[in-house]
Protein backbone atom coordinates (compact mmCIF):
# COMPACT_ATOMS: atom_id res chain seq x y z
CA MET A 1 -0.63 -31.34 10.74
CA ALA A 2 -2.49 -28.01 10.97
CA ALA A 3 -0.23 -26.86 13.79
CA ALA A 4 2.86 -27.78 11.80
CA ALA A 5 1.55 -25.88 8.80
CA ILE A 6 0.93 -22.81 10.94
CA LEU A 7 4.39 -22.99 12.49
CA LEU A 8 5.94 -23.33 9.04
CA ARG A 9 3.91 -20.36 7.86
CA HIS A 10 5.11 -18.24 10.79
CA GLY A 11 8.70 -19.19 9.99
CA ARG A 12 8.34 -18.22 6.35
CA ARG A 13 6.56 -15.02 7.34
CA ALA A 14 9.37 -14.03 9.69
CA HIS A 15 11.92 -14.68 6.96
CA ALA A 16 9.87 -12.68 4.47
CA HIS A 17 9.51 -9.74 6.84
CA ALA A 18 13.26 -9.79 7.50
CA HIS A 19 13.96 -9.87 3.75
CA CYS A 20 11.48 -7.08 3.09
CA ALA A 21 12.93 -4.98 5.93
CA ALA A 22 16.37 -5.41 4.40
CA LEU A 23 14.95 -4.39 1.04
CA SER A 24 13.37 -1.29 2.58
CA ARG A 25 16.68 -0.35 4.24
CA ALA A 26 18.48 -0.79 0.93
CA LEU A 27 15.91 1.40 -0.81
CA SER A 28 16.29 4.05 1.88
CA THR A 29 20.06 4.04 1.42
CA THR A 30 19.72 4.17 -2.37
CA ALA A 31 17.37 7.12 -2.10
CA GLY A 32 19.75 8.98 0.18
CA ASP A 33 17.61 8.35 3.28
CA THR A 34 14.89 10.61 1.89
CA GLN A 35 11.49 9.11 2.53
CA PRO A 36 8.60 9.89 0.17
CA ASP A 37 5.65 11.80 1.58
CA VAL A 38 2.74 9.78 2.91
CA VAL A 39 0.33 9.18 0.04
CA SER A 40 -3.16 7.81 -0.43
CA VAL A 41 -3.75 4.42 -2.02
CA SER A 42 -5.18 5.94 -5.21
CA ASP A 43 -2.30 8.39 -5.57
CA ALA A 44 0.26 5.64 -4.94
CA THR A 45 -1.36 3.39 -7.55
CA ARG A 46 -1.32 6.19 -10.11
CA ARG A 47 2.34 7.00 -9.42
CA ILE A 48 3.49 3.37 -9.44
CA ARG A 49 1.70 2.78 -12.75
CA ARG A 50 3.91 5.48 -14.26
CA GLU A 51 7.06 4.45 -12.40
CA HIS A 52 9.13 1.71 -14.02
CA ASP A 53 12.08 1.81 -11.62
CA PRO A 54 11.38 -1.07 -9.19
CA ASP A 55 13.05 0.53 -6.17
CA ARG A 56 11.13 3.77 -6.52
CA ALA A 57 7.92 1.78 -7.08
CA VAL A 58 8.42 -0.07 -3.78
CA SER A 59 9.24 3.18 -2.00
CA ILE A 60 5.95 4.68 -3.17
CA LEU A 61 4.09 1.56 -2.03
CA GLU A 62 5.67 1.73 1.42
CA ALA A 63 4.64 5.40 1.71
CA ILE A 64 0.92 4.60 1.57
CA ASP A 65 -0.97 6.03 4.53
CA SER A 66 -1.35 3.07 6.91
CA THR A 67 -4.84 4.17 7.92
CA SER A 68 -6.10 3.63 4.37
CA ILE A 69 -4.54 0.21 3.78
CA SER A 70 -6.78 -2.76 3.01
CA ALA A 71 -6.49 -5.82 0.80
CA ALA A 72 -8.86 -4.54 -1.84
CA SER A 73 -7.58 -0.97 -1.92
CA THR A 74 -3.87 -1.80 -2.10
CA ARG A 75 -4.11 -4.80 -4.45
CA HIS A 76 -3.32 -2.87 -7.63
CA ALA A 77 -0.48 -0.86 -6.09
CA LEU A 78 1.06 -4.01 -4.60
CA SER A 79 0.67 -5.92 -7.87
CA LEU A 80 2.34 -3.14 -9.84
CA ALA A 81 5.28 -2.88 -7.43
CA ALA A 82 5.78 -6.67 -7.42
CA ARG A 83 5.61 -6.71 -11.23
CA ARG A 84 8.31 -4.04 -11.44
CA LEU A 85 10.59 -6.18 -9.28
CA SER A 86 9.95 -9.39 -11.21
CA ARG A 87 10.50 -7.71 -14.57
CA SER A 88 13.90 -6.69 -13.25
CA ARG A 89 14.38 -10.40 -12.43
CA ARG A 90 14.41 -9.66 -8.71
CA PHE A 91 12.10 -12.54 -7.91
CA ALA A 92 13.27 -13.01 -4.31
CA ASP A 93 12.53 -9.35 -3.58
CA ALA A 94 9.10 -9.66 -5.22
CA GLU A 95 8.31 -12.73 -3.12
CA ALA A 96 9.48 -11.04 0.07
CA LEU A 97 7.38 -7.98 -0.67
CA LEU A 98 4.24 -10.04 -1.25
CA SER A 99 4.79 -12.32 1.74
CA SER A 100 5.23 -9.31 4.02
CA HIS A 101 1.73 -8.15 3.09
CA LEU A 102 0.15 -11.46 4.09
CA PRO A 103 -0.32 -11.56 7.89
CA ALA A 104 -0.33 -14.82 9.83
CA SER A 105 -4.04 -14.36 10.53
CA THR A 106 -5.84 -13.25 7.40
CA THR A 107 -9.20 -13.25 5.65
CA GLU A 108 -10.32 -14.81 2.40
CA PRO A 109 -10.54 -11.45 0.53
CA HIS A 110 -7.05 -10.47 1.71
CA LEU A 111 -5.56 -13.84 0.72
CA ALA A 112 -7.29 -13.67 -2.67
CA ALA A 113 -5.87 -10.18 -3.29
CA ILE A 114 -2.33 -11.31 -2.43
CA LEU A 115 -2.63 -14.39 -4.66
CA CYS A 116 -3.61 -12.12 -7.56
CA SER A 117 -0.50 -10.05 -6.86
CA TYR A 118 1.67 -13.19 -7.06
CA ALA A 119 0.30 -13.65 -10.58
CA SER A 120 1.34 -10.09 -11.46
CA ALA A 121 4.87 -10.99 -10.37
CA ASN A 122 4.76 -14.25 -12.40
CA LEU A 123 5.21 -16.33 -9.26
CA PRO A 124 2.36 -18.88 -9.44
CA GLU A 125 4.16 -21.62 -7.51
CA LYS A 126 4.84 -19.16 -4.68
CA ALA A 127 1.15 -18.31 -4.76
CA LEU A 128 0.41 -22.02 -4.29
CA ASP A 129 2.81 -22.12 -1.33
CA ALA A 130 1.04 -19.11 0.19
CA PHE A 131 -2.36 -20.72 -0.32
CA ARG A 132 -1.35 -24.06 1.20
CA SER A 133 0.30 -22.45 4.22
CA THR A 134 -2.51 -19.94 4.87
CA ALA A 135 -5.68 -21.85 4.01
CA PRO A 136 -5.62 -24.07 7.16
CA SER A 137 -6.04 -20.96 9.34
CA LEU A 138 -9.12 -19.73 7.46
CA PRO A 139 -12.59 -20.35 8.88
CA THR A 140 -14.27 -23.41 7.38
CA PRO A 141 -15.80 -24.09 5.01
CA ILE A 142 -13.47 -22.13 2.72
CA SER A 143 -15.36 -20.35 -0.04
CA PRO A 144 -14.24 -20.53 -3.70
CA LEU A 145 -12.85 -16.95 -3.51
CA PRO A 146 -9.17 -17.68 -2.68
CA PHE A 147 -9.37 -20.98 -4.61
CA ASN A 148 -10.42 -19.09 -7.75
CA ALA A 149 -7.75 -16.46 -7.20
CA LEU A 150 -5.09 -19.18 -7.10
CA LEU A 151 -6.39 -20.92 -10.24
CA SER A 152 -6.51 -17.55 -11.99
CA ALA A 153 -2.88 -16.93 -11.01
CA PHE A 154 -1.80 -20.09 -12.83
CA LEU A 155 -3.99 -19.17 -15.79
CA ARG A 156 -2.54 -15.65 -16.02
CA CYS A 157 0.99 -17.04 -15.82
CA ARG A 158 0.24 -19.46 -18.67
CA ARG A 159 0.59 -22.57 -16.52
CA HIS A 160 -2.57 -23.87 -18.14
CA ALA A 161 -1.87 -27.58 -17.69
CA ARG A 162 -1.59 -27.13 -13.92
CA VAL A 163 -5.09 -25.71 -13.51
CA PRO A 164 -7.13 -28.94 -13.93
CA VAL A 165 -4.81 -30.78 -11.54
CA LEU A 166 -5.05 -28.06 -8.88
CA PHE A 167 -8.81 -27.77 -9.42
CA SER A 168 -9.22 -31.43 -8.53
CA GLU A 169 -6.59 -31.69 -5.78
CA LEU A 170 -7.30 -28.52 -3.80
CA SER A 171 -11.08 -28.74 -3.94
CA LYS A 172 -10.81 -32.17 -2.29
CA GLU A 173 -7.96 -31.33 0.08
CA PHE A 174 -9.66 -28.23 1.50
CA SER A 175 -13.29 -29.30 0.98
CA ILE A 176 -13.98 -26.38 -1.36
CA THR A 177 -17.12 -26.44 -3.49
CA PRO A 178 -16.29 -24.89 -6.90
CA ASN A 179 -18.70 -22.28 -8.24
CA ALA A 180 -19.47 -20.96 -11.73
CA THR A 181 -16.29 -18.85 -11.72
CA SER A 182 -14.21 -21.92 -10.84
CA TYR A 183 -15.62 -23.88 -13.77
CA GLY A 184 -15.08 -20.90 -16.03
CA ILE A 185 -11.37 -20.89 -15.14
CA LEU A 186 -11.21 -24.65 -15.69
CA ALA A 187 -12.83 -24.34 -19.12
CA LYS A 188 -10.44 -21.51 -20.03
CA ALA A 189 -7.44 -23.67 -19.10
CA TYR A 190 -8.69 -26.49 -21.33
CA CYS A 191 -9.32 -24.03 -24.16
CA MET A 192 -5.78 -22.69 -23.87
CA THR A 193 -4.43 -26.22 -24.30
CA ARG A 194 -6.84 -26.78 -27.21
CA ASP A 195 -8.65 -29.58 -25.38
CA ASP A 196 -12.12 -28.74 -26.70
CA VAL A 197 -13.69 -31.97 -25.46
CA LYS A 198 -12.76 -31.37 -21.82
CA ALA A 199 -13.62 -27.68 -22.10
CA LYS A 200 -17.16 -28.64 -23.10
CA GLN A 201 -17.24 -31.28 -20.38
CA ALA A 202 -16.76 -28.46 -17.88
CA LEU A 203 -20.23 -27.29 -18.90
CA ASP A 204 -21.64 -30.74 -18.17
CA GLN A 205 -19.87 -30.84 -14.79
CA MET A 206 -21.45 -27.50 -13.89
CA ARG A 207 -24.92 -28.77 -14.74
CA GLU A 208 -24.32 -31.96 -12.72
CA GLN A 209 -23.53 -29.76 -9.72
CA GLY A 210 -26.70 -27.75 -10.25
CA ILE A 211 -24.82 -24.71 -11.57
CA SER A 212 -26.14 -23.04 -14.72
CA PRO A 213 -23.52 -22.21 -17.36
CA THR A 214 -22.86 -18.48 -17.62
CA THR A 215 -22.38 -16.05 -20.48
CA SER A 216 -18.75 -15.82 -19.43
CA ILE A 217 -18.00 -19.53 -19.86
CA TYR A 218 -19.81 -19.61 -23.20
CA THR A 219 -17.74 -16.61 -24.31
CA THR A 220 -14.57 -18.50 -23.42
CA LEU A 221 -15.61 -21.51 -25.50
CA ILE A 222 -16.82 -19.43 -28.46
CA ASP A 223 -13.56 -17.47 -28.42
CA SER A 224 -11.57 -20.71 -28.57
CA MET A 225 -13.63 -22.01 -31.50
CA TYR A 226 -13.19 -18.80 -33.48
CA LYS A 227 -9.43 -18.76 -32.84
CA GLN A 228 -9.22 -22.30 -34.17
CA LYS A 229 -11.35 -21.23 -37.17
CA LYS A 230 -14.08 -23.66 -36.15
CA ILE A 231 -16.79 -21.24 -37.20
CA GLU A 232 -19.70 -23.70 -37.27
CA GLU A 233 -18.93 -24.90 -33.74
CA ALA A 234 -18.68 -21.30 -32.53
CA GLU A 235 -22.06 -20.49 -34.05
CA GLN A 236 -23.60 -23.63 -32.53
CA LEU A 237 -22.33 -22.63 -29.08
CA TRP A 238 -23.73 -19.12 -29.61
CA LYS A 239 -27.13 -20.62 -30.39
CA GLU A 240 -26.94 -22.93 -27.36
CA MET A 241 -25.99 -19.97 -25.15
CA VAL A 242 -28.96 -17.85 -26.25
CA GLU A 243 -31.44 -20.73 -26.08
CA GLY A 244 -30.17 -21.53 -22.59
CA GLY A 245 -31.10 -18.06 -21.41
CA CYS A 246 -27.61 -16.52 -21.38
CA LYS A 247 -27.60 -13.05 -22.90
CA PRO A 248 -24.47 -12.12 -24.92
CA ASP A 249 -22.56 -9.20 -23.38
CA VAL A 250 -19.94 -6.86 -24.82
CA ALA A 251 -17.18 -9.44 -24.32
CA THR A 252 -19.16 -12.06 -26.23
CA TYR A 253 -19.82 -9.72 -29.14
CA ASN A 254 -16.17 -8.67 -29.15
CA VAL A 255 -15.19 -12.31 -29.71
CA LYS A 256 -17.30 -12.31 -32.87
CA ALA A 257 -15.92 -8.88 -33.87
CA MET A 258 -12.40 -10.25 -33.38
CA ASN A 259 -13.05 -13.07 -35.83
CA TYR A 260 -14.17 -10.66 -38.56
CA GLY A 261 -11.60 -8.02 -37.62
CA LEU A 262 -8.72 -10.44 -38.06
CA HIS A 263 -10.08 -12.56 -40.91
CA GLY A 264 -12.98 -10.72 -42.54
CA LYS A 265 -14.05 -7.34 -43.84
CA PRO A 266 -14.94 -4.09 -42.09
CA GLU A 267 -18.56 -4.48 -43.19
CA GLU A 268 -18.76 -7.71 -41.18
CA VAL A 269 -17.44 -6.00 -38.05
CA LEU A 270 -19.92 -3.17 -38.58
CA GLU A 271 -22.70 -5.75 -38.83
CA VAL A 272 -21.68 -7.17 -35.45
CA MET A 273 -21.79 -3.65 -34.03
CA ARG A 274 -25.31 -3.19 -35.39
CA GLU A 275 -26.28 -6.45 -33.67
CA MET A 276 -24.82 -5.13 -30.43
CA GLU A 277 -26.69 -1.85 -30.59
CA ALA A 278 -29.95 -3.65 -31.44
CA ALA A 279 -29.44 -5.77 -28.30
CA GLY A 280 -28.74 -2.69 -26.20
CA VAL A 281 -25.01 -3.48 -25.88
CA LYS A 282 -22.66 -0.52 -26.40
CA PRO A 283 -19.47 -1.15 -28.42
CA ASP A 284 -16.32 -0.44 -26.40
CA THR A 285 -12.68 0.33 -27.18
CA ILE A 286 -11.96 -3.32 -27.94
CA THR A 287 -14.78 -3.43 -30.48
CA TYR A 288 -13.45 -0.34 -32.22
CA ASN A 289 -9.92 -1.78 -32.13
CA PHE A 290 -11.08 -4.73 -34.20
CA LEU A 291 -12.83 -2.41 -36.64
CA MET A 292 -9.61 -0.37 -36.96
CA THR A 293 -7.64 -3.57 -37.49
CA SER A 294 -10.05 -4.63 -40.23
CA TYR A 295 -9.80 -1.24 -41.94
CA CYS A 296 -5.99 -1.50 -41.92
CA ARG A 297 -5.98 -5.09 -43.17
CA ASN A 298 -8.28 -4.18 -46.04
CA GLY A 299 -6.31 -1.14 -47.22
CA LYS A 300 -8.60 1.47 -45.67
CA LEU A 301 -6.01 3.30 -43.59
CA GLU A 302 -7.77 6.66 -43.82
CA ASP A 303 -10.94 5.14 -42.35
CA ALA A 304 -8.84 3.68 -39.54
CA LYS A 305 -7.31 7.11 -38.83
CA VAL A 306 -10.73 8.77 -38.75
CA LEU A 307 -11.98 6.12 -36.33
CA TYR A 308 -8.90 6.48 -34.13
CA HIS A 309 -9.41 10.23 -33.81
CA SER A 310 -13.14 9.86 -33.12
CA LEU A 311 -12.88 7.44 -30.18
CA ALA A 312 -13.50 10.17 -27.61
CA GLU A 313 -16.70 11.18 -29.42
CA LYS A 314 -17.88 7.59 -29.08
CA GLY A 315 -17.28 7.62 -25.33
CA CYS A 316 -14.14 5.49 -25.56
CA SER A 317 -10.44 6.06 -25.04
CA ALA A 318 -7.50 4.37 -26.72
CA ASN A 319 -5.85 1.51 -24.82
CA ALA A 320 -2.41 -0.04 -25.27
CA ALA A 321 -3.67 -2.29 -28.08
CA THR A 322 -5.13 0.69 -29.93
CA TYR A 323 -1.77 2.46 -29.97
CA LYS A 324 0.15 -0.68 -30.87
CA HIS A 325 -1.97 -1.73 -33.85
CA MET A 326 -2.55 1.79 -35.15
CA LEU A 327 1.14 2.64 -34.97
CA ALA A 328 2.15 -0.63 -36.64
CA ALA A 329 -0.30 -0.03 -39.50
CA LEU A 330 0.85 3.56 -40.05
CA CYS A 331 4.51 2.55 -40.13
CA ALA A 332 3.76 -0.34 -42.49
CA HIS A 333 2.22 2.21 -44.89
CA GLY A 334 5.13 4.65 -44.47
CA ASP A 335 3.05 7.31 -42.69
CA PHE A 336 5.64 8.10 -40.04
CA ASP A 337 4.33 11.61 -39.32
CA ALA A 338 0.96 10.22 -38.25
CA GLY A 339 2.79 7.40 -36.48
CA LEU A 340 4.79 9.93 -34.50
CA GLY A 341 1.55 11.54 -33.34
CA VAL A 342 0.23 8.20 -32.14
CA ALA A 343 3.51 7.44 -30.35
CA LYS A 344 3.53 10.82 -28.61
CA GLU A 345 -0.03 10.26 -27.41
CA SER A 346 0.87 6.78 -26.12
CA LEU A 347 3.85 8.18 -24.22
CA LYS A 348 1.70 10.93 -22.76
CA ARG A 349 -0.86 8.39 -21.54
CA HIS A 350 1.78 5.89 -20.34
CA LYS A 351 0.58 3.17 -22.73
CA VAL A 352 3.75 2.67 -24.74
CA PRO A 353 3.60 -0.01 -27.47
CA ASP A 354 6.09 -2.89 -27.44
CA PHE A 355 9.68 -2.53 -28.61
CA LYS A 356 9.11 -4.09 -32.04
CA THR A 357 6.34 -1.62 -32.88
CA MET A 358 8.23 1.42 -31.60
CA LYS A 359 11.38 0.25 -33.37
CA GLY A 360 9.57 0.43 -36.73
CA LEU A 361 8.69 4.07 -36.04
CA VAL A 362 12.20 5.05 -34.94
CA GLU A 363 13.78 3.37 -37.97
CA GLY A 364 11.33 5.08 -40.31
CA LEU A 365 11.93 8.49 -38.78
CA ALA A 366 15.71 8.13 -38.83
CA LYS A 367 15.86 6.87 -42.42
CA GLY A 368 13.52 9.67 -43.49
CA GLY A 369 15.78 12.37 -42.06
CA ARG A 370 13.78 12.92 -38.86
CA VAL A 371 16.82 12.08 -36.74
CA ALA A 372 15.99 14.45 -33.90
CA ALA A 373 12.48 13.03 -33.56
CA ALA A 374 13.88 9.48 -33.56
CA LYS A 375 16.34 10.42 -30.83
CA LYS A 376 13.64 12.07 -28.76
CA ILE A 377 11.51 8.92 -28.86
CA ILE A 378 14.46 6.86 -27.62
CA VAL A 379 15.27 9.40 -24.90
CA GLU A 380 11.71 9.35 -23.60
CA VAL A 381 11.47 5.57 -23.63
CA LYS A 382 14.82 5.16 -21.87
CA GLN A 383 13.68 7.53 -19.13
CA ARG A 384 10.66 5.34 -18.41
CA PHE A 385 12.17 1.87 -18.10
CA PRO A 386 14.89 0.35 -15.89
CA GLU A 387 18.33 -0.33 -17.30
CA ASN A 388 17.84 -4.08 -17.71
CA LEU A 389 14.98 -3.51 -20.18
CA LEU A 390 16.89 -1.16 -22.47
CA SER A 391 19.32 -3.46 -24.29
CA GLY A 392 17.21 -3.48 -27.45
CA TRP A 393 17.04 0.29 -27.52
CA LYS A 394 20.79 0.66 -27.01
CA LYS A 395 21.44 -1.75 -29.87
CA LEU A 396 19.03 0.20 -32.10
CA GLU A 397 20.79 3.47 -31.24
CA LYS A 398 24.09 2.05 -32.43
CA GLU A 399 22.60 0.53 -35.58
CA LEU A 400 21.12 3.89 -36.57
CA SER A 401 24.13 5.89 -35.28
CA LEU A 402 21.91 7.70 -32.80
CA ASP A 403 23.85 6.90 -29.63
CA SER A 404 26.49 9.63 -29.68
CA ASP A 405 24.32 12.31 -28.10
CA SER A 406 20.94 10.69 -27.63
CA ARG A 407 20.67 11.99 -24.08
CA ASP A 408 21.55 15.58 -25.02
CA THR A 409 18.11 17.08 -25.48
CA GLN A 410 19.48 20.42 -26.66
CA SER A 411 21.90 19.33 -29.40
CA LYS A 412 21.10 19.54 -33.11
CA GLY A 413 20.04 16.63 -35.29
CA THR A 414 21.30 16.17 -38.84
CA SER A 415 18.03 17.52 -40.22
CA GLY A 416 18.41 20.79 -38.32
CA GLU A 417 15.75 19.91 -35.71
CA THR A 418 16.54 20.21 -32.02
CA VAL A 419 16.59 16.89 -30.27
CA GLY A 420 14.34 18.30 -27.56
CA GLU A 421 11.53 18.69 -30.09
CA TYR A 422 9.63 16.18 -32.23
């Protein structure tokens, strides 16, 4: 059976390498046979993160200096390139790319890294195939590392119902002893399906195996209770966590801040932040995001703007969620000038909010006479994403009559602005 599995794996690997070689030849032809300079892993990751064209992303990946390649170092670059392909619905190419990076003889860390990359490409079942075909060649006993990576892949791809089944089947099939991380993933899967009873049973299973519940698994359960507005149960779990010797960390406090940020008042979020600081836990960008959200929900937009502009002073930097929620709030209040500033900053930092949020800004600018600025936003966005992701923007251009010269960055807008300027 093991020999058959290995032979099958070699066959699949050969097919994958052939497919990937064909892909590389196609990319070379597309690029006019010009090969990118050899780059370091860190430089490649940075460039791929900013590159939304899947073919160019793969070309950058393939240009990584071979002497610096390792599973851990190339994981993010590989994941990003595979994600670019899958978002262009080129799933076969994404699979071939990932398979080509998984040698016939591999290690647990390398396999785990590749399985995480399958999740980035939204290919969890292919990750399972890779695990089943590769695991028999690993030294025994197999540690929970690749097992957890596979379960996490299904969790990330929202195949929550599959996780408990795989947890049970694979741990028995490959004689894997789950650890605290494994049970944390299991509990998360149950929480995502709103099966609170089984999620809590995961804690009991851990204890039965002599594993102490962690802050992380308690955070998962508390988060689920808050999201279901089961406040008393969340508070009871918090008490149980502390009494059990688990110290709340920034993620745990952020779960509580989220509850008040989305459903309470800014003063309640600020109280959570005081609790954090008293416990020696520093608020992070996520904490401040919930405070900003609470300010906006409670009509305190100016306070939200002050907080947004003071993030750097607090040792934090805006993330994608910061830009999205701040921009949405500004547009909802008709402050399109401030919204434009937020959008420009998000574009500069390559953390562009989703289409719906950006659409609100473009519509507001266009209807307010800032046609050139609206066009410039569309031009910049269209330059960053592949053609198959631009249908919504093209439709918006036509609806607002912005499509006639939206790519001409030197022509004049109806308000007298140049399209090349905001």
